[in-house]
Protein backbone atom coordinates (compact mmCIF):
# COMPACT_ATOMS: atom_id res chain seq x y z
CA UNK A 1 240.19 102.92 146.77
CA UNK A 2 239.98 106.67 147.28
CA UNK A 3 238.24 105.95 150.59
CA UNK A 4 241.30 103.97 151.59
CA UNK A 5 243.63 106.80 150.70
CA UNK A 6 244.98 105.09 147.59
CA UNK A 7 244.47 106.77 144.23
CA UNK A 8 243.22 104.02 141.96
CA UNK A 9 240.12 103.63 139.88
CA UNK A 10 238.33 100.42 140.90
CA UNK A 11 236.36 98.80 138.08
CA UNK A 12 232.60 99.23 138.15
CA UNK A 13 230.53 96.51 139.70
CA UNK A 14 229.78 93.92 137.06
CA UNK A 15 226.35 92.38 137.44
CA UNK A 16 227.10 89.73 134.82
CA UNK A 17 230.31 88.71 136.55
CA UNK A 18 228.49 88.63 139.86
CA UNK A 19 225.85 86.34 138.33
CA UNK A 20 228.57 83.97 137.20
CA UNK A 21 229.97 83.88 140.72
CA UNK A 22 226.51 83.11 142.11
CA UNK A 23 226.27 80.08 139.85
CA UNK A 24 229.62 78.64 140.89
CA UNK A 25 229.89 75.28 142.64
CA UNK A 26 230.20 76.90 146.04
CA UNK A 27 226.81 78.50 145.60
CA UNK A 28 225.11 75.16 146.27
CA UNK A 29 227.06 74.55 149.46
CA UNK A 30 226.49 78.13 150.58
CA UNK A 31 222.76 78.00 149.83
CA UNK A 32 222.41 74.78 151.79
CA UNK A 33 223.88 76.56 154.82
CA UNK A 34 222.08 79.87 154.52
CA UNK A 35 218.94 80.77 156.38
CA UNK A 36 218.30 83.63 153.92
CA UNK A 37 216.90 85.81 156.65
CA UNK A 38 218.11 89.39 157.03
CA UNK A 39 220.45 88.41 159.83
CA UNK A 40 221.34 84.90 158.61
CA UNK A 41 220.49 83.70 162.08
CA UNK A 42 220.55 79.93 161.59
CA UNK A 43 221.67 77.27 159.11
CA UNK A 44 219.15 75.67 156.77
CA UNK A 45 218.81 72.11 155.55
CA UNK A 46 220.26 70.95 152.25
CA UNK A 47 219.07 72.54 149.05
CA UNK A 48 218.02 69.10 147.86
CA UNK A 49 215.96 68.31 150.90
CA UNK A 50 212.29 68.43 150.08
CA UNK A 51 210.02 69.63 152.82
CA UNK A 52 206.52 71.05 152.68
CA UNK A 53 206.00 74.41 154.35
CA UNK A 54 202.86 75.60 156.10
CA UNK A 55 201.73 77.40 152.96
CA UNK A 56 202.22 74.24 150.90
CA UNK A 57 205.28 75.62 149.14
CA UNK A 58 208.07 73.21 148.25
CA UNK A 59 211.11 73.76 150.47
CA UNK A 60 213.56 73.71 147.58
CA UNK A 61 211.52 76.28 145.67
CA UNK A 62 211.32 78.49 148.74
CA UNK A 63 215.10 78.34 149.14
CA UNK A 64 215.57 79.33 145.51
CA UNK A 65 213.31 82.34 146.03
CA UNK A 66 215.10 83.27 149.25
CA UNK A 67 218.47 83.01 147.53
CA UNK A 68 217.27 85.23 144.68
CA UNK A 69 216.03 87.80 147.20
CA UNK A 70 219.37 87.72 149.04
CA UNK A 71 221.21 88.16 145.76
CA UNK A 72 219.18 91.28 144.97
CA UNK A 73 219.98 92.72 148.39
CA UNK A 74 223.69 92.10 147.92
CA UNK A 75 223.69 93.59 144.44
CA UNK A 76 221.94 96.67 145.85
CA UNK A 77 224.61 97.06 148.56
CA UNK A 78 227.30 97.31 145.90
CA UNK A 79 225.25 99.26 143.36
CA UNK A 80 224.30 101.88 145.95
CA UNK A 81 227.89 102.25 147.13
CA UNK A 82 227.27 100.87 150.61
CA UNK A 83 229.88 98.21 149.90
CA UNK A 84 232.77 99.13 147.59
CA UNK A 85 234.14 96.46 145.22
CA UNK A 86 237.89 95.91 144.87
CA UNK A 87 239.87 93.64 142.61
CA UNK A 88 242.30 91.30 144.38
CA UNK A 89 245.18 93.49 143.17
CA UNK A 90 243.58 96.62 144.62
CA UNK A 91 242.94 94.79 147.88
CA UNK A 92 246.62 93.88 147.97
CA UNK A 93 247.61 97.50 147.48
CA UNK A 94 245.28 98.58 150.28
CA UNK A 95 246.65 95.97 152.70
CA UNK A 96 250.28 96.77 151.91
CA UNK A 97 250.17 100.56 151.45
CA UNK A 98 247.50 101.70 153.90
CA UNK A 99 247.59 98.76 156.32
CA UNK A 100 243.86 98.15 155.85
CA UNK A 101 242.50 95.08 157.62
CA UNK A 102 241.50 92.17 155.42
CA UNK A 103 238.79 90.05 157.02
CA UNK A 104 238.84 86.48 155.76
CA UNK A 105 235.37 84.92 156.18
CA UNK A 106 236.08 81.53 154.58
CA UNK A 107 235.53 78.21 156.38
CA UNK A 108 238.47 76.50 158.04
CA UNK A 109 238.94 73.98 155.21
CA UNK A 110 239.77 76.80 152.79
CA UNK A 111 241.59 79.11 155.19
CA UNK A 112 244.06 76.47 156.35
CA UNK A 113 245.30 75.97 152.78
CA UNK A 114 246.12 79.61 152.02
CA UNK A 115 245.54 82.97 153.68
CA UNK A 116 246.62 86.57 153.25
CA UNK A 117 249.52 87.51 155.50
CA UNK A 118 248.34 89.67 158.37
CA UNK A 119 244.65 89.04 157.69
CA UNK A 120 242.03 88.39 160.37
CA UNK A 121 240.02 85.18 160.12
CA UNK A 122 236.42 85.05 161.28
CA UNK A 123 234.36 82.53 159.27
CA UNK A 124 230.81 83.55 158.49
CA UNK A 125 230.05 79.91 157.67
CA UNK A 126 232.19 77.08 158.95
CA UNK A 127 232.35 73.31 158.75
CA UNK A 128 229.49 71.62 160.61
CA UNK A 129 231.39 69.88 163.41
CA UNK A 130 228.49 68.44 165.39
CA UNK A 131 227.33 64.92 164.69
CA UNK A 132 223.81 64.08 165.77
CA UNK A 133 220.40 63.13 164.43
CA UNK A 134 219.86 66.68 163.20
CA UNK A 135 223.13 67.10 161.29
CA UNK A 136 223.53 63.55 159.98
CA UNK A 137 220.90 63.91 157.19
CA UNK A 138 222.56 67.14 156.03
CA UNK A 139 225.99 65.53 155.96
CA UNK A 140 224.74 62.50 154.05
CA UNK A 141 222.83 64.63 151.56
CA UNK A 142 225.80 66.94 150.99
CA UNK A 143 228.08 63.96 150.39
CA UNK A 144 225.66 62.22 148.02
CA UNK A 145 224.92 65.41 146.08
CA UNK A 146 228.53 65.99 145.13
CA UNK A 147 230.54 66.49 148.30
CA UNK A 148 232.49 63.29 147.58
CA UNK A 149 233.60 64.76 144.25
CA UNK A 150 234.09 68.46 145.07
CA UNK A 151 235.22 68.07 148.68
CA UNK A 152 232.87 70.85 149.79
CA UNK A 153 231.87 70.04 153.39
CA UNK A 154 228.56 70.65 155.11
CA UNK A 155 228.59 74.21 156.41
CA UNK A 156 226.63 75.98 159.10
CA UNK A 157 226.28 79.63 160.02
CA UNK A 158 228.76 80.86 162.61
CA UNK A 159 226.48 82.40 165.23
CA UNK A 160 229.49 84.13 166.80
CA UNK A 161 230.52 85.91 163.60
CA UNK A 162 229.06 89.31 164.40
CA UNK A 163 230.04 89.31 168.07
CA UNK A 164 233.62 88.34 167.17
CA UNK A 165 233.79 91.07 164.54
CA UNK A 166 232.42 93.66 166.95
CA UNK A 167 234.96 92.65 169.59
CA UNK A 168 237.85 93.17 167.15
CA UNK A 169 236.79 96.11 164.99
CA UNK A 170 235.13 99.45 165.66
CA UNK A 171 232.16 100.46 163.49
CA UNK A 172 234.18 103.18 161.70
CA UNK A 173 237.11 100.93 160.73
CA UNK A 174 237.90 100.21 157.08
CA UNK A 175 237.38 96.49 156.45
CA UNK A 176 238.12 94.51 153.30
CA UNK A 177 236.08 91.31 153.26
CA UNK A 178 237.19 88.31 151.24
CA UNK A 179 236.11 84.71 150.74
CA UNK A 180 237.05 82.13 148.11
CA UNK A 181 234.73 83.13 145.27
CA UNK A 182 233.17 86.39 146.42
CA UNK A 183 229.77 85.15 147.58
CA UNK A 184 230.03 84.51 151.30
CA UNK A 185 231.94 87.74 151.78
CA UNK A 186 228.97 89.66 150.38
CA UNK A 187 226.71 87.90 152.87
CA UNK A 188 229.15 88.93 155.60
CA UNK A 189 229.10 92.51 154.28
CA UNK A 190 225.33 92.60 154.68
CA UNK A 191 225.56 91.33 158.26
CA UNK A 192 228.15 93.96 159.17
CA UNK A 193 226.37 96.76 157.34
CA UNK A 194 223.12 95.99 159.16
CA UNK A 195 225.11 96.11 162.41
CA UNK A 196 226.33 99.63 161.68
CA UNK A 197 229.62 99.18 159.81
CA UNK A 198 229.92 101.74 157.00
CA UNK A 199 233.45 101.40 155.61
CA UNK A 200 233.16 98.02 153.94
CA UNK A 201 235.08 96.81 150.90
CA UNK A 202 234.48 93.57 149.03
CA UNK A 203 237.01 91.54 147.03
CA UNK A 204 235.11 90.86 143.81
CA UNK A 205 235.68 87.33 142.57
CA UNK A 206 237.21 86.30 145.88
CA UNK A 207 240.72 85.08 146.57
CA UNK A 208 240.34 82.55 143.79
CA UNK A 209 240.52 85.43 141.31
CA UNK A 210 243.84 86.62 142.78
CA UNK A 211 247.16 86.07 141.10
CA UNK A 212 250.02 85.11 143.37
CA UNK A 213 251.58 88.56 143.07
CA UNK A 214 248.36 90.36 144.03
CA UNK A 215 248.37 89.46 147.72
CA UNK A 216 251.08 88.28 150.08
CA UNK A 217 250.16 84.67 150.76
CA UNK A 218 250.89 82.31 153.60
CA UNK A 219 249.97 78.62 153.64
CA UNK A 220 250.87 75.50 151.68
CA UNK A 221 248.79 76.06 148.53
CA UNK A 222 248.03 78.86 146.05
CA UNK A 223 244.86 80.88 146.62
CA UNK A 224 243.27 79.34 143.53
CA UNK A 225 243.60 75.83 145.01
CA UNK A 226 242.18 76.64 148.46
CA UNK A 227 238.60 75.95 147.42
CA UNK A 228 239.05 72.59 145.72
CA UNK A 229 239.01 69.13 147.25
CA UNK A 230 237.52 65.67 147.12
CA UNK A 231 238.11 63.14 144.37
CA UNK A 232 238.20 65.86 141.71
CA UNK A 233 241.29 67.39 143.35
CA UNK A 234 242.92 63.98 143.82
CA UNK A 235 242.54 63.26 140.09
CA UNK A 236 243.46 66.77 138.98
CA UNK A 237 240.12 67.33 137.24
CA UNK A 238 239.33 70.79 138.56
CA UNK A 239 239.49 73.90 136.39
CA UNK A 240 242.27 75.29 138.55
CA UNK A 241 244.41 72.18 138.14
CA UNK A 242 243.80 71.98 134.40
CA UNK A 243 244.98 75.58 134.09
CA UNK A 244 248.07 74.74 136.13
CA UNK A 245 248.73 71.67 133.99
CA UNK A 246 248.68 73.82 130.85
CA UNK A 247 251.50 75.89 132.36
CA UNK A 248 253.50 73.16 134.09
CA UNK A 249 253.51 70.61 131.28
CA UNK A 250 253.56 66.81 131.14
CA UNK A 251 255.28 66.25 134.49
CA UNK A 252 252.35 67.84 136.33
CA UNK A 253 249.83 65.75 134.36
CA UNK A 254 251.81 62.57 134.96
CA UNK A 255 251.19 62.69 138.73
CA UNK A 256 247.42 62.65 138.26
CA UNK A 257 247.58 60.08 135.46
CA UNK A 258 249.38 57.72 137.83
CA UNK A 259 246.69 58.33 140.46
CA UNK A 260 243.94 57.51 137.96
CA UNK A 261 245.66 54.28 136.93
CA UNK A 262 246.09 53.38 140.61
CA UNK A 263 242.35 53.85 141.20
CA UNK A 264 241.51 51.52 138.30
CA UNK A 265 243.96 48.91 139.57
CA UNK A 266 242.54 49.15 143.10
CA UNK A 267 238.98 48.87 141.77
CA UNK A 268 239.90 45.79 139.73
CA UNK A 269 241.61 44.23 142.74
CA UNK A 270 238.55 44.82 144.90
CA UNK A 271 236.26 43.37 142.23
CA UNK A 272 238.40 40.26 141.81
CA UNK A 273 238.70 39.91 145.57
CA UNK A 274 234.93 40.13 145.98
CA UNK A 275 234.43 37.45 143.33
CA UNK A 276 236.93 35.15 145.03
CA UNK A 277 235.29 35.70 148.41
CA UNK A 278 231.86 34.95 146.96
CA UNK A 279 233.12 31.69 145.43
CA UNK A 280 234.80 30.73 148.70
CA UNK A 281 231.59 31.30 150.64
CA UNK A 282 229.63 29.34 148.08
CA UNK A 283 232.04 26.40 148.36
CA UNK A 284 231.69 26.43 152.15
CA UNK A 285 227.91 26.36 151.92
CA UNK A 286 227.92 23.52 149.40
CA UNK A 287 229.99 21.27 151.65
């Protein structure tokens, strides 16, 4: 924060906390989109896809090794002071008091729910919008491996990320990078640092770790809810919604209880309808 002209003492980088962030549910989606090369030049296939490499190494194992190597690089960036960690509260102070630019690198599905007022949005990974023989297997795999439950879409690397950043910001500009959980923003920090940016700050824990008073928010949902989706969000079974329910009380829980009952009723109706249709078809065949 001293580099931003604000006298605060940012907490030291916590390797254990960082490890917890790496193991979050977004890590799987991020890993399945990451090329794990130094420049993150192209998206990769799903983490669950099994493919044999030229050296006979299992594709999934190779991805795990690549992810571990990337994690070490990112930890080194912070440990060596090349990227300075900030809490969400400190990032809010910097944006409000010194007018520092906050660069939001989240995909569109998260950004459209909540964003920091006055921030710049350039996704480092965004929703895979193409639909062809190459992307279909990734989309199906992502959906089957939990996308239906978590709502996390198939992501691909934004090849225009660096060029867009360079067109908007000079290499000596102070930039605060933020994503939802603090992982993709570190990847973006590495890309920018390798391109010559030297005044980089990273929101540790991401916007999900922010309280509503930490940053001035725009958008329909709280920051903590921007990264949830799918059936788990519909039923209110995410950690964020359970925490909200503990504060809001029975009225908040009632909404999701009604949704759960409605799902059971709809499932029963479909089952009974299928049985009736099967009997009807059987009667027609027997005549």
